[in-house]
Amino acid sequence: MFDWDEKPELNITPLVDVMLVLLAILMVISPNIVYEELIRLPKGSAQKELTKLAPVNITISKDGTIKVNKEVFKTDTFADNFSLFAQTLDHEATVMISADQSLGYGEVMAVLATVKRAGFREVSLATAG
């Protein structure tokens, strides 16, 4: 006869089997899903050519001379002389500053400030590799 005190057991094995099969199917299919966004790119002008500007190389030696490309300047008169010399250069060019590692931070930053005041926007500090 039927026992009213007996609690029924819940068999979750089929539920786990179905979930594992669905997980396996999802894992196999998901790498193959490709999302594609259609975009319109602007057409470039074939008439305009890009020209690469030669960089301005500034080298600061430990004896106080500053060499800009092939011109040599003294540290004490660099600010005035460079502002005059910079008028012959293209201000869109990149300026690369290399300094001797024995120089102080302030000496290099004074040259950097002078270059920025002369109107150059792209200035890089070279490091010893």
C-alpha atoms as a PDB file:
ATOM      1  CA  MET A   1       0.000   0.000   0.000  1.00  0.00           C
ATOM      2  CA  PHE A   2       1.009   3.686  -0.286  1.00  0.00           C
ATOM      3  CA  ASP A   3       3.103   5.222   2.482  1.00  0.00           C
ATOM      4  CA  TRP A   4       2.106   8.845   3.089  1.00  0.00           C
ATOM      5  CA  ASP A   5       5.245   9.612   5.112  1.00  0.00           C
ATOM      6  CA  GLU A   6       7.664   8.782   2.327  1.00  0.00           C
ATOM      7  CA  LYS A   7       9.087  11.876   0.569  1.00  0.00           C
ATOM      8  CA  PRO A   8       9.532  11.693  -3.212  1.00  0.00           C
ATOM      9  CA  GLU A   9      13.052  11.998  -4.609  1.00  0.00           C
ATOM     10  CA  LEU A  10      13.762  14.440  -7.398  1.00  0.00           C
ATOM     11  CA  ASN A  11      15.837  12.951 -10.221  1.00  0.00           C
ATOM     12  CA  ILE A  12      17.893  15.775 -11.807  1.00  0.00           C
ATOM     13  CA  THR A  13      20.108  13.561 -13.984  1.00  0.00           C
ATOM     14  CA  PRO A  14      18.096  14.174 -17.196  1.00  0.00           C
ATOM     15  CA  LEU A  15      18.136  17.925 -16.543  1.00  0.00           C
ATOM     16  CA  VAL A  16      21.942  17.915 -16.127  1.00  0.00           C
ATOM     17  CA  ASP A  17      22.336  15.830 -19.301  1.00  0.00           C
ATOM     18  CA  VAL A  18      20.258  18.276 -21.335  1.00  0.00           C
ATOM     19  CA  MET A  19      22.163  21.295 -19.958  1.00  0.00           C
ATOM     20  CA  LEU A  20      25.555  19.707 -20.745  1.00  0.00           C
ATOM     21  CA  VAL A  21      24.465  18.959 -24.314  1.00  0.00           C
ATOM     22  CA  LEU A  22      23.259  22.561 -24.761  1.00  0.00           C
ATOM     23  CA  LEU A  23      26.537  23.885 -23.311  1.00  0.00           C
ATOM     24  CA  ALA A  24      28.577  21.697 -25.675  1.00  0.00           C
ATOM     25  CA  ILE A  25      26.535  22.890 -28.669  1.00  0.00           C
ATOM     26  CA  LEU A  26      26.992  26.524 -27.621  1.00  0.00           C
ATOM     27  CA  MET A  27      30.767  26.050 -27.206  1.00  0.00           C
ATOM     28  CA  VAL A  28      31.066  24.541 -30.681  1.00  0.00           C
ATOM     29  CA  ILE A  29      28.909  27.162 -32.413  1.00  0.00           C
ATOM     30  CA  SER A  30      30.055  30.379 -30.673  1.00  0.00           C
ATOM     31  CA  PRO A  31      33.521  30.688 -32.339  1.00  0.00           C
ATOM     32  CA  ASN A  32      31.800  30.592 -35.726  1.00  0.00           C
ATOM     33  CA  ILE A  33      29.496  33.527 -35.007  1.00  0.00           C
ATOM     34  CA  VAL A  34      30.750  36.535 -36.973  1.00  0.00           C
ATOM     35  CA  TYR A  35      29.457  40.039 -36.413  1.00  0.00           C
ATOM     36  CA  GLU A  36      29.794  42.266 -39.434  1.00  0.00           C
ATOM     37  CA  GLU A  37      29.276  46.014 -39.389  1.00  0.00           C
ATOM     38  CA  LEU A  38      29.083  47.700 -42.759  1.00  0.00           C
ATOM     39  CA  ILE A  39      30.764  51.092 -42.764  1.00  0.00           C
ATOM     40  CA  ARG A  40      31.437  53.652 -45.450  1.00  0.00           C
ATOM     41  CA  LEU A  41      34.988  54.909 -45.579  1.00  0.00           C
ATOM     42  CA  PRO A  42      35.700  58.325 -47.062  1.00  0.00           C
ATOM     43  CA  LYS A  43      37.493  58.389 -50.356  1.00  0.00           C
ATOM     44  CA  GLY A  44      40.955  59.914 -50.166  1.00  0.00           C
ATOM     45  CA  SER A  45      42.313  62.506 -52.497  1.00  0.00           C
ATOM     46  CA  ALA A  46      44.769  61.154 -55.041  1.00  0.00           C
ATOM     47  CA  GLN A  47      46.194  64.601 -55.719  1.00  0.00           C
ATOM     48  CA  LYS A  48      47.711  65.373 -52.345  1.00  0.00           C
ATOM     49  CA  GLU A  49      51.026  63.755 -51.519  1.00  0.00           C
ATOM     50  CA  LEU A  50      52.386  63.514 -48.016  1.00  0.00           C
ATOM     51  CA  THR A  51      55.907  64.773 -47.590  1.00  0.00           C
ATOM     52  CA  LYS A  52      58.047  63.671 -44.694  1.00  0.00           C
ATOM     53  CA  LEU A  53      59.729  66.533 -42.916  1.00  0.00           C
ATOM     54  CA  ALA A  54      63.316  66.093 -41.829  1.00  0.00           C
ATOM     55  CA  PRO A  55      63.563  66.148 -38.020  1.00  0.00           C
ATOM     56  CA  VAL A  56      65.500  68.820 -36.161  1.00  0.00           C
ATOM     57  CA  ASN A  57      68.211  67.127 -34.094  1.00  0.00           C
ATOM     58  CA  ILE A  58      69.472  68.958 -31.011  1.00  0.00           C
ATOM     59  CA  THR A  59      72.470  67.519 -29.162  1.00  0.00           C
ATOM     60  CA  ILE A  60      73.578  68.925 -25.812  1.00  0.00           C
ATOM     61  CA  SER A  61      77.137  68.037 -24.813  1.00  0.00           C
ATOM     62  CA  LYS A  62      78.545  68.188 -21.300  1.00  0.00           C
ATOM     63  CA  ASP A  63      80.959  71.020 -22.174  1.00  0.00           C
ATOM     64  CA  GLY A  64      78.069  73.420 -22.807  1.00  0.00           C
ATOM     65  CA  THR A  65      77.744  73.363 -26.574  1.00  0.00           C
ATOM     66  CA  ILE A  66      74.409  72.772 -28.199  1.00  0.00           C
ATOM     67  CA  LYS A  67      74.375  71.463 -31.742  1.00  0.00           C
ATOM     68  CA  VAL A  68      71.227  72.013 -33.817  1.00  0.00           C
ATOM     69  CA  ASN A  69      71.541  69.920 -36.971  1.00  0.00           C
ATOM     70  CA  LYS A  70      74.973  71.274 -38.055  1.00  0.00           C
ATOM     71  CA  GLU A  71      74.876  74.671 -36.318  1.00  0.00           C
ATOM     72  CA  VAL A  72      76.727  75.026 -32.996  1.00  0.00           C
ATOM     73  CA  PHE A  73      75.473  77.302 -30.185  1.00  0.00           C
ATOM     74  CA  LYS A  74      76.745  78.133 -26.696  1.00  0.00           C
ATOM     75  CA  THR A  75      74.452  77.472 -23.736  1.00  0.00           C
ATOM     76  CA  ASP A  76      74.391  81.055 -22.455  1.00  0.00           C
ATOM     77  CA  THR A  77      73.260  82.537 -25.807  1.00  0.00           C
ATOM     78  CA  PHE A  78      71.168  79.594 -27.006  1.00  0.00           C
ATOM     79  CA  ALA A  79      67.731  81.092 -26.275  1.00  0.00           C
ATOM     80  CA  ASP A  80      68.237  84.198 -28.406  1.00  0.00           C
ATOM     81  CA  ASN A  81      70.192  82.546 -31.193  1.00  0.00           C
ATOM     82  CA  PHE A  82      67.826  79.586 -31.510  1.00  0.00           C
ATOM     83  CA  SER A  83      64.753  81.806 -31.774  1.00  0.00           C
ATOM     84  CA  LEU A  84      66.407  83.544 -34.730  1.00  0.00           C
ATOM     85  CA  PHE A  85      67.625  80.269 -36.246  1.00  0.00           C
ATOM     86  CA  ALA A  86      64.183  78.652 -35.809  1.00  0.00           C
ATOM     87  CA  GLN A  87      62.670  81.101 -38.288  1.00  0.00           C
ATOM     88  CA  THR A  88      64.497  79.231 -41.068  1.00  0.00           C
ATOM     89  CA  LEU A  89      63.098  75.857 -39.927  1.00  0.00           C
ATOM     90  CA  ASP A  90      59.684  74.297 -40.503  1.00  0.00           C
ATOM     91  CA  HIS A  91      57.736  74.391 -37.219  1.00  0.00           C
ATOM     92  CA  GLU A  92      55.784  71.263 -38.184  1.00  0.00           C
ATOM     93  CA  ALA A  93      58.977  69.171 -38.014  1.00  0.00           C
ATOM     94  CA  THR A  94      59.725  66.912 -35.059  1.00  0.00           C
ATOM     95  CA  VAL A  95      62.490  68.077 -32.731  1.00  0.00           C
ATOM     96  CA  MET A  96      64.670  65.360 -31.171  1.00  0.00           C
ATOM     97  CA  ILE A  97      66.683  66.447 -28.121  1.00  0.00           C
ATOM     98  CA  SER A  98      69.646  64.275 -27.062  1.00  0.00           C
ATOM     99  CA  ALA A  99      71.655  65.219 -23.984  1.00  0.00           C
ATOM    100  CA  ASP A 100      74.720  63.897 -22.201  1.00  0.00           C
ATOM    101  CA  GLN A 101      73.671  61.894 -19.167  1.00  0.00           C
ATOM    102  CA  SER A 102      75.934  63.880 -16.842  1.00  0.00           C
ATOM    103  CA  LEU A 103      73.905  67.065 -17.455  1.00  0.00           C
ATOM    104  CA  GLY A 104      71.399  68.263 -14.909  1.00  0.00           C
ATOM    105  CA  TYR A 105      67.656  68.178 -15.384  1.00  0.00           C
ATOM    106  CA  GLY A 106      67.386  71.977 -15.431  1.00  0.00           C
ATOM    107  CA  GLU A 107      69.842  72.393 -18.291  1.00  0.00           C
ATOM    108  CA  VAL A 108      67.904  70.028 -20.531  1.00  0.00           C
ATOM    109  CA  MET A 109      64.554  71.549 -19.557  1.00  0.00           C
ATOM    110  CA  ALA A 110      65.874  75.052 -20.367  1.00  0.00           C
ATOM    111  CA  VAL A 111      66.631  73.879 -23.917  1.00  0.00           C
ATOM    112  CA  LEU A 112      63.219  72.209 -24.118  1.00  0.00           C
ATOM    113  CA  ALA A 113      61.494  75.421 -22.999  1.00  0.00           C
ATOM    114  CA  THR A 114      63.421  77.424 -25.589  1.00  0.00           C
ATOM    115  CA  VAL A 115      62.359  75.011 -28.338  1.00  0.00           C
ATOM    116  CA  LYS A 116      58.718  75.213 -27.243  1.00  0.00           C
ATOM    117  CA  ARG A 117      58.843  79.020 -27.127  1.00  0.00           C
ATOM    118  CA  ALA A 118      60.236  79.035 -30.673  1.00  0.00           C
ATOM    119  CA  GLY A 119      56.953  77.459 -31.842  1.00  0.00           C
ATOM    120  CA  PHE A 120      57.715  73.765 -32.201  1.00  0.00           C
ATOM    121  CA  ARG A 121      54.925  71.455 -31.080  1.00  0.00           C
ATOM    122  CA  GLU A 122      56.400  67.984 -31.549  1.00  0.00           C
ATOM    123  CA  VAL A 123      59.405  67.613 -29.274  1.00  0.00           C
ATOM    124  CA  SER A 124      60.922  64.299 -28.193  1.00  0.00           C
ATOM    125  CA  LEU A 125      63.606  63.570 -25.640  1.00  0.00           C
ATOM    126  CA  ALA A 126      65.983  60.825 -26.747  1.00  0.00           C
ATOM    127  CA  THR A 127      67.131  58.261 -24.208  1.00  0.00           C
ATOM    128  CA  ALA A 128      70.240  56.136 -24.184  1.00  0.00           C
ATOM    129  CA  GLY A 129      69.277  52.565 -24.940  1.00  0.00           C
END
